[in-house]
Amino acid sequence: MTALQTWTAPESEDLTLDPVERAIEEIAAGRPVVVVDDEDRENEGDLIAASELITPQTIAFMMRECSGMICAPMTGAELDRLGLGQMVEQNTESMRTAFTVTVDGTPEHGVTTGISAADRATTLRLLADPAAGTGDFVRPGHIFPLRARDGGVLTRNGHTEAAVDLARLAGLRPAAAICEIAGEDGSMLRLPQLVPFARQHGFAIISIADLIEYRRRTEGPP
């Protein structure tokens, strides 16, 4: 089955996840990976790719097969450099996901309405471009930047931080594209459905818990 085909996830008895090393290699090659968090947290999976290497094809897959909102986790330093402040002063969202004001790339970069897969991919690549500045974006837009906590998953065990960590570990700019994975009926896929989803589409799948363990093992104490 290709990435262009619609697929309904069955439940899987084999819930074996991939090594974090494989996910890092996939991100470095410009391919997306599935990242799951804990049962006692959101208990959801996100498809994650590096913004620096994002393509319209990957965005189209996210739009069609994942159904969630496409966001752009980034470091606080980069968001500050681009003048992208928090969406609200008091964040009351359950997971304290740090949304900033939304953006699109400017028409000078070929962005039109901002909603197409090509437009969103352009905006995401601009967000990862160290040469881009505040004048390269219009506000509001169709991409939702997210402010990752300093320290990554060692500070907060969220998809936002996992995405930035994976991009950084892959040797790329610390900016990513993420999209929550929902089923055909609109409900969120859980681990027993996420594993076959990843296998069917050829994606690596890891957990945030394993990424935390990997960083502690390879980086040592902070």
C-alpha atoms as a PDB file:
ATOM      1  CA  MET A   1       0.000   0.000   0.000  1.00  0.00           C
ATOM      2  CA  THR A   2       1.325   3.424  -0.904  1.00  0.00           C
ATOM      3  CA  ALA A   3       1.155   6.613   1.143  1.00  0.00           C
ATOM      4  CA  LEU A   4      -1.592   7.806  -1.221  1.00  0.00           C
ATOM      5  CA  GLN A   5      -4.035   5.076  -0.204  1.00  0.00           C
ATOM      6  CA  THR A   6      -6.562   5.380   2.597  1.00  0.00           C
ATOM      7  CA  TRP A   7      -6.190   2.742   5.274  1.00  0.00           C
ATOM      8  CA  THR A   8      -8.103   1.776   8.415  1.00  0.00           C
ATOM      9  CA  ALA A   9      -5.868   0.582  11.242  1.00  0.00           C
ATOM     10  CA  PRO A  10      -6.511  -2.849  12.757  1.00  0.00           C
ATOM     11  CA  GLU A  11      -5.361  -3.694  16.241  1.00  0.00           C
ATOM     12  CA  SER A  12      -2.016  -5.445  16.471  1.00  0.00           C
ATOM     13  CA  GLU A  13      -0.852  -8.055  18.954  1.00  0.00           C
ATOM     14  CA  ASP A  14       2.818  -7.288  18.246  1.00  0.00           C
ATOM     15  CA  LEU A  15       3.431  -3.863  19.755  1.00  0.00           C
ATOM     16  CA  THR A  16       7.211  -3.920  19.357  1.00  0.00           C
ATOM     17  CA  LEU A  17       8.614  -0.445  18.762  1.00  0.00           C
ATOM     18  CA  ASP A  18      11.712   0.537  16.814  1.00  0.00           C
ATOM     19  CA  PRO A  19      15.072   1.659  18.210  1.00  0.00           C
ATOM     20  CA  VAL A  20      15.442   5.404  18.616  1.00  0.00           C
ATOM     21  CA  GLU A  21      18.519   5.199  16.390  1.00  0.00           C
ATOM     22  CA  ARG A  22      16.349   4.124  13.456  1.00  0.00           C
ATOM     23  CA  ALA A  23      13.970   7.041  13.993  1.00  0.00           C
ATOM     24  CA  ILE A  24      16.894   9.477  13.996  1.00  0.00           C
ATOM     25  CA  GLU A  25      18.157   8.002  10.714  1.00  0.00           C
ATOM     26  CA  GLU A  26      14.703   8.312   9.164  1.00  0.00           C
ATOM     27  CA  ILE A  27      14.349  11.941  10.244  1.00  0.00           C
ATOM     28  CA  ALA A  28      17.806  12.727   8.850  1.00  0.00           C
ATOM     29  CA  ALA A  29      16.742  11.209   5.519  1.00  0.00           C
ATOM     30  CA  GLY A  30      13.642  13.397   5.366  1.00  0.00           C
ATOM     31  CA  ARG A  31      11.196  10.620   6.185  1.00  0.00           C
ATOM     32  CA  PRO A  32       8.505  10.955   8.872  1.00  0.00           C
ATOM     33  CA  VAL A  33       8.281   8.774  11.971  1.00  0.00           C
ATOM     34  CA  VAL A  34       5.490   7.951  14.414  1.00  0.00           C
ATOM     35  CA  VAL A  35       6.050   8.966  18.039  1.00  0.00           C
ATOM     36  CA  VAL A  36       3.750   7.805  20.840  1.00  0.00           C
ATOM     37  CA  ASP A  37       3.491   9.135  24.364  1.00  0.00           C
ATOM     38  CA  ASP A  38       2.438   7.467  27.612  1.00  0.00           C
ATOM     39  CA  GLU A  39      -0.929   5.887  28.394  1.00  0.00           C
ATOM     40  CA  ASP A  40      -1.308   8.194  31.389  1.00  0.00           C
ATOM     41  CA  ARG A  41      -0.647  11.289  29.267  1.00  0.00           C
ATOM     42  CA  GLU A  42      -2.377  11.927  25.906  1.00  0.00           C
ATOM     43  CA  ASN A  43      -1.982   8.276  24.845  1.00  0.00           C
ATOM     44  CA  GLU A  44      -1.722   9.450  21.235  1.00  0.00           C
ATOM     45  CA  GLY A  45       0.651   9.216  18.306  1.00  0.00           C
ATOM     46  CA  ASP A  46       1.991  12.013  16.132  1.00  0.00           C
ATOM     47  CA  LEU A  47       3.597  11.782  12.723  1.00  0.00           C
ATOM     48  CA  ILE A  48       6.802  13.821  12.920  1.00  0.00           C
ATOM     49  CA  ALA A  49       9.152  15.073  10.202  1.00  0.00           C
ATOM     50  CA  ALA A  50      11.961  17.621  10.070  1.00  0.00           C
ATOM     51  CA  SER A  51      10.768  21.015   8.819  1.00  0.00           C
ATOM     52  CA  GLU A  52      14.064  21.566   7.031  1.00  0.00           C
ATOM     53  CA  LEU A  53      13.377  18.608   4.700  1.00  0.00           C
ATOM     54  CA  ILE A  54       9.579  18.674   4.564  1.00  0.00           C
ATOM     55  CA  THR A  55       7.880  18.066   1.214  1.00  0.00           C
ATOM     56  CA  PRO A  56       4.369  18.762  -0.087  1.00  0.00           C
ATOM     57  CA  GLN A  57       3.925  14.990  -0.351  1.00  0.00           C
ATOM     58  CA  THR A  58       4.523  14.517   3.378  1.00  0.00           C
ATOM     59  CA  ILE A  59       2.151  17.369   4.214  1.00  0.00           C
ATOM     60  CA  ALA A  60      -0.500  15.906   1.896  1.00  0.00           C
ATOM     61  CA  PHE A  61      -0.151  12.557   3.672  1.00  0.00           C
ATOM     62  CA  MET A  62      -0.585  14.253   7.051  1.00  0.00           C
ATOM     63  CA  MET A  63      -3.675  16.076   5.822  1.00  0.00           C
ATOM     64  CA  ARG A  64      -5.273  13.005   4.299  1.00  0.00           C
ATOM     65  CA  GLU A  65      -4.191  10.067   6.472  1.00  0.00           C
ATOM     66  CA  CYS A  66      -3.558  11.615   9.903  1.00  0.00           C
ATOM     67  CA  SER A  67      -6.367  14.198  10.042  1.00  0.00           C
ATOM     68  CA  GLY A  68      -4.871  16.153  12.934  1.00  0.00           C
ATOM     69  CA  MET A  69      -3.655  19.727  13.071  1.00  0.00           C
ATOM     70  CA  ILE A  70      -0.260  20.380  11.497  1.00  0.00           C
ATOM     71  CA  CYS A  71       1.996  22.188  13.952  1.00  0.00           C
ATOM     72  CA  ALA A  72       5.621  23.293  13.970  1.00  0.00           C
ATOM     73  CA  PRO A  73       7.585  22.641  17.174  1.00  0.00           C
ATOM     74  CA  MET A  74      10.578  24.955  17.507  1.00  0.00           C
ATOM     75  CA  THR A  75      12.998  26.184  20.127  1.00  0.00           C
ATOM     76  CA  GLY A  76      12.148  29.250  22.131  1.00  0.00           C
ATOM     77  CA  ALA A  77      15.260  30.991  20.820  1.00  0.00           C
ATOM     78  CA  GLU A  78      14.141  30.618  17.198  1.00  0.00           C
ATOM     79  CA  LEU A  79      10.588  31.710  17.948  1.00  0.00           C
ATOM     80  CA  ASP A  80      11.890  34.777  19.764  1.00  0.00           C
ATOM     81  CA  ARG A  81      14.176  35.566  16.832  1.00  0.00           C
ATOM     82  CA  LEU A  82      11.182  35.456  14.489  1.00  0.00           C
ATOM     83  CA  GLY A  83       9.025  37.526  16.836  1.00  0.00           C
ATOM     84  CA  LEU A  84       6.439  34.772  17.295  1.00  0.00           C
ATOM     85  CA  GLY A  85       4.869  35.325  20.689  1.00  0.00           C
ATOM     86  CA  GLN A  86       2.509  33.079  22.602  1.00  0.00           C
ATOM     87  CA  MET A  87      -1.052  32.781  21.320  1.00  0.00           C
ATOM     88  CA  VAL A  88      -2.475  33.503  24.783  1.00  0.00           C
ATOM     89  CA  GLU A  89      -1.031  35.036  27.941  1.00  0.00           C
ATOM     90  CA  GLN A  90      -2.582  32.426  30.246  1.00  0.00           C
ATOM     91  CA  ASN A  91      -2.358  28.885  28.886  1.00  0.00           C
ATOM     92  CA  THR A  92      -5.174  26.755  30.311  1.00  0.00           C
ATOM     93  CA  GLU A  93      -4.895  23.871  27.806  1.00  0.00           C
ATOM     94  CA  SER A  94      -4.638  20.531  29.640  1.00  0.00           C
ATOM     95  CA  MET A  95      -1.098  19.706  28.472  1.00  0.00           C
ATOM     96  CA  ARG A  96       0.050  23.348  28.431  1.00  0.00           C
ATOM     97  CA  THR A  97       0.950  23.028  24.753  1.00  0.00           C
ATOM     98  CA  ALA A  98       2.648  26.334  23.983  1.00  0.00           C
ATOM     99  CA  PHE A  99       0.991  27.600  20.799  1.00  0.00           C
ATOM    100  CA  THR A 100       2.304  30.807  19.268  1.00  0.00           C
ATOM    101  CA  VAL A 101       0.575  33.064  16.781  1.00  0.00           C
ATOM    102  CA  THR A 102      -0.048  31.249  13.495  1.00  0.00           C
ATOM    103  CA  VAL A 103       1.898  32.012  10.331  1.00  0.00           C
ATOM    104  CA  ASP A 104       2.141  31.556   6.577  1.00  0.00           C
ATOM    105  CA  GLY A 105       5.091  32.316   4.367  1.00  0.00           C
ATOM    106  CA  THR A 106       4.786  35.511   2.338  1.00  0.00           C
ATOM    107  CA  PRO A 107       3.745  35.668  -1.337  1.00  0.00           C
ATOM    108  CA  GLU A 108       7.365  36.481  -2.175  1.00  0.00           C
ATOM    109  CA  HIS A 109       8.107  32.842  -1.337  1.00  0.00           C
ATOM    110  CA  GLY A 110       5.328  31.578  -3.585  1.00  0.00           C
ATOM    111  CA  VAL A 111       2.735  31.096  -0.849  1.00  0.00           C
ATOM    112  CA  THR A 112      -0.817  31.908  -1.954  1.00  0.00           C
ATOM    113  CA  THR A 113      -3.681  31.111   0.433  1.00  0.00           C
ATOM    114  CA  GLY A 114      -1.364  29.193   2.756  1.00  0.00           C
ATOM    115  CA  ILE A 115      -3.622  26.153   3.067  1.00  0.00           C
ATOM    116  CA  SER A 116      -2.346  23.866   0.292  1.00  0.00           C
ATOM    117  CA  ALA A 117       0.200  21.148   0.999  1.00  0.00           C
ATOM    118  CA  ALA A 118       2.765  23.036  -1.080  1.00  0.00           C
ATOM    119  CA  ASP A 119       2.110  26.305   0.759  1.00  0.00           C
ATOM    120  CA  ARG A 120       2.337  24.676   4.176  1.00  0.00           C
ATOM    121  CA  ALA A 121       5.548  22.879   3.233  1.00  0.00           C
ATOM    122  CA  THR A 122       7.045  26.195   2.113  1.00  0.00           C
ATOM    123  CA  THR A 123       6.066  27.844   5.399  1.00  0.00           C
ATOM    124  CA  LEU A 124       7.565  24.994   7.414  1.00  0.00           C
ATOM    125  CA  ARG A 125      10.840  25.110   5.502  1.00  0.00           C
ATOM    126  CA  LEU A 126      10.987  28.873   6.072  1.00  0.00           C
ATOM    127  CA  LEU A 127      10.510  28.360   9.806  1.00  0.00           C
ATOM    128  CA  ALA A 128      13.584  26.117   9.767  1.00  0.00           C
ATOM    129  CA  ASP A 129      15.647  28.503   7.628  1.00  0.00           C
ATOM    130  CA  PRO A 130      18.217  30.440   9.684  1.00  0.00           C
ATOM    131  CA  ALA A 131      18.202  33.166   7.021  1.00  0.00           C
ATOM    132  CA  ALA A 132      14.453  33.768   7.372  1.00  0.00           C
ATOM    133  CA  GLY A 133      13.248  36.729   9.414  1.00  0.00           C
ATOM    134  CA  THR A 134      10.043  38.280  10.644  1.00  0.00           C
ATOM    135  CA  GLY A 135       9.353  39.778   7.220  1.00  0.00           C
ATOM    136  CA  ASP A 136       9.181  36.340   5.615  1.00  0.00           C
ATOM    137  CA  PHE A 137       5.901  35.509   7.355  1.00  0.00           C
ATOM    138  CA  VAL A 138       2.352  36.826   7.512  1.00  0.00           C
ATOM    139  CA  ARG A 139       0.181  36.514  10.613  1.00  0.00           C
ATOM    140  CA  PRO A 140      -2.240  34.817  11.159  1.00  0.00           C
ATOM    141  CA  GLY A 141      -1.723  31.786   8.973  1.00  0.00           C
ATOM    142  CA  HIS A 142      -2.247  28.062   8.640  1.00  0.00           C
ATOM    143  CA  ILE A 143       0.811  26.706  10.464  1.00  0.00           C
ATOM    144  CA  PHE A 144       0.791  26.551  14.268  1.00  0.00           C
ATOM    145  CA  PRO A 145       4.290  26.959  15.734  1.00  0.00           C
ATOM    146  CA  LEU A 146       4.774  25.385  19.158  1.00  0.00           C
ATOM    147  CA  ARG A 147       7.354  26.507  21.706  1.00  0.00           C
ATOM    148  CA  ALA A 148       9.407  23.570  22.969  1.00  0.00           C
ATOM    149  CA  ARG A 149      10.773  23.648  26.482  1.00  0.00           C
ATOM    150  CA  ASP A 150      14.507  24.070  26.903  1.00  0.00           C
ATOM    151  CA  GLY A 151      15.997  20.666  27.683  1.00  0.00           C
ATOM    152  CA  GLY A 152      13.608  18.831  25.384  1.00  0.00           C
ATOM    153  CA  VAL A 153      12.041  15.568  26.552  1.00  0.00           C
ATOM    154  CA  LEU A 154      14.218  15.601  29.658  1.00  0.00           C
ATOM    155  CA  THR A 155      12.212  18.648  30.757  1.00  0.00           C
ATOM    156  CA  ARG A 156       8.760  17.858  29.313  1.00  0.00           C
ATOM    157  CA  ASN A 157       7.712  14.484  27.893  1.00  0.00           C
ATOM    158  CA  GLY A 158       5.602  15.911  25.084  1.00  0.00           C
ATOM    159  CA  HIS A 159       5.459  15.477  21.325  1.00  0.00           C
ATOM    160  CA  THR A 160       6.591  19.101  20.929  1.00  0.00           C
ATOM    161  CA  GLU A 161       9.876  18.441  22.682  1.00  0.00           C
ATOM    162  CA  ALA A 162      10.308  15.002  21.085  1.00  0.00           C
ATOM    163  CA  ALA A 163      10.022  16.530  17.623  1.00  0.00           C
ATOM    164  CA  VAL A 164      12.661  19.183  18.278  1.00  0.00           C
ATOM    165  CA  ASP A 165      14.957  16.618  19.914  1.00  0.00           C
ATOM    166  CA  LEU A 166      14.681  14.251  16.937  1.00  0.00           C
ATOM    167  CA  ALA A 167      15.503  17.003  14.452  1.00  0.00           C
ATOM    168  CA  ARG A 168      18.486  18.094  16.523  1.00  0.00           C
ATOM    169  CA  LEU A 169      19.736  14.523  16.997  1.00  0.00           C
ATOM    170  CA  ALA A 170      19.468  14.042  13.232  1.00  0.00           C
ATOM    171  CA  GLY A 171      21.867  16.946  12.716  1.00  0.00           C
ATOM    172  CA  LEU A 172      19.169  19.228  11.342  1.00  0.00           C
ATOM    173  CA  ARG A 173      17.706  22.553  12.385  1.00  0.00           C
ATOM    174  CA  PRO A 174      15.660  22.179  15.617  1.00  0.00           C
ATOM    175  CA  ALA A 175      12.289  22.606  13.931  1.00  0.00           C
ATOM    176  CA  ALA A 176       9.729  19.999  12.963  1.00  0.00           C
ATOM    177  CA  ALA A 177       6.300  19.343  11.535  1.00  0.00           C
ATOM    178  CA  ILE A 178       3.919  17.213  13.577  1.00  0.00           C
ATOM    179  CA  CYS A 179       0.368  15.983  13.101  1.00  0.00           C
ATOM    180  CA  GLU A 180      -1.810  13.909  15.421  1.00  0.00           C
ATOM    181  CA  ILE A 181      -2.938  10.572  13.971  1.00  0.00           C
ATOM    182  CA  ALA A 182      -6.670   9.895  13.937  1.00  0.00           C
ATOM    183  CA  GLY A 183      -8.618   6.981  12.509  1.00  0.00           C
ATOM    184  CA  GLU A 184     -11.177   6.951   9.731  1.00  0.00           C
ATOM    185  CA  ASP A 185     -13.965   7.630  12.253  1.00  0.00           C
ATOM    186  CA  GLY A 186     -12.125  10.664  13.633  1.00  0.00           C
ATOM    187  CA  SER A 187     -11.128   9.097  16.950  1.00  0.00           C
ATOM    188  CA  MET A 188      -7.491   9.101  17.991  1.00  0.00           C
ATOM    189  CA  LEU A 189      -5.450   5.985  17.244  1.00  0.00           C
ATOM    190  CA  ARG A 190      -3.886   4.308  20.282  1.00  0.00           C
ATOM    191  CA  LEU A 191      -0.816   2.094  20.440  1.00  0.00           C
ATOM    192  CA  PRO A 192      -2.550  -1.117  19.226  1.00  0.00           C
ATOM    193  CA  GLN A 193      -3.602   0.759  16.062  1.00  0.00           C
ATOM    194  CA  LEU A 194      -0.531   2.991  15.722  1.00  0.00           C
ATOM    195  CA  VAL A 195       1.919   0.102  15.369  1.00  0.00           C
ATOM    196  CA  PRO A 196       0.157  -1.438  12.337  1.00  0.00           C
ATOM    197  CA  PHE A 197      -0.356   2.065  10.897  1.00  0.00           C
ATOM    198  CA  ALA A 198       3.390   2.639  11.051  1.00  0.00           C
ATOM    199  CA  ARG A 199       4.206  -0.810   9.672  1.00  0.00           C
ATOM    200  CA  GLN A 200       1.736  -0.510   6.801  1.00  0.00           C
ATOM    201  CA  HIS A 201       3.199   2.803   5.671  1.00  0.00           C
ATOM    202  CA  GLY A 202       6.836   1.914   6.311  1.00  0.00           C
ATOM    203  CA  PHE A 203       7.347   4.406   9.152  1.00  0.00           C
ATOM    204  CA  ALA A 204       9.581   3.878  12.158  1.00  0.00           C
ATOM    205  CA  ILE A 205       7.652   4.087  15.432  1.00  0.00           C
ATOM    206  CA  ILE A 206       9.158   4.987  18.807  1.00  0.00           C
ATOM    207  CA  SER A 207       7.955   6.153  22.201  1.00  0.00           C
ATOM    208  CA  ILE A 208       8.810   9.342  24.027  1.00  0.00           C
ATOM    209  CA  ALA A 209       9.836   7.173  26.995  1.00  0.00           C
ATOM    210  CA  ASP A 210      12.436   5.447  24.817  1.00  0.00           C
ATOM    211  CA  LEU A 211      13.677   8.812  23.529  1.00  0.00           C
ATOM    212  CA  ILE A 212      14.118   9.997  27.119  1.00  0.00           C
ATOM    213  CA  GLU A 213      16.085   6.832  27.931  1.00  0.00           C
ATOM    214  CA  TYR A 214      18.195   7.250  24.781  1.00  0.00           C
ATOM    215  CA  ARG A 215      19.131  10.821  25.643  1.00  0.00           C
ATOM    216  CA  ARG A 216      20.012   9.930  29.220  1.00  0.00           C
ATOM    217  CA  ARG A 217      22.128   7.016  28.023  1.00  0.00           C
ATOM    218  CA  THR A 218      23.986   8.891  25.289  1.00  0.00           C
ATOM    219  CA  GLU A 219      24.301  12.337  26.845  1.00  0.00           C
ATOM    220  CA  GLY A 220      24.855  11.473  30.472  1.00  0.00           C
ATOM    221  CA  PRO A 221      23.652  13.599  33.394  1.00  0.00           C
ATOM    222  CA  PRO A 222      22.722  17.214  32.623  1.00  0.00           C
END
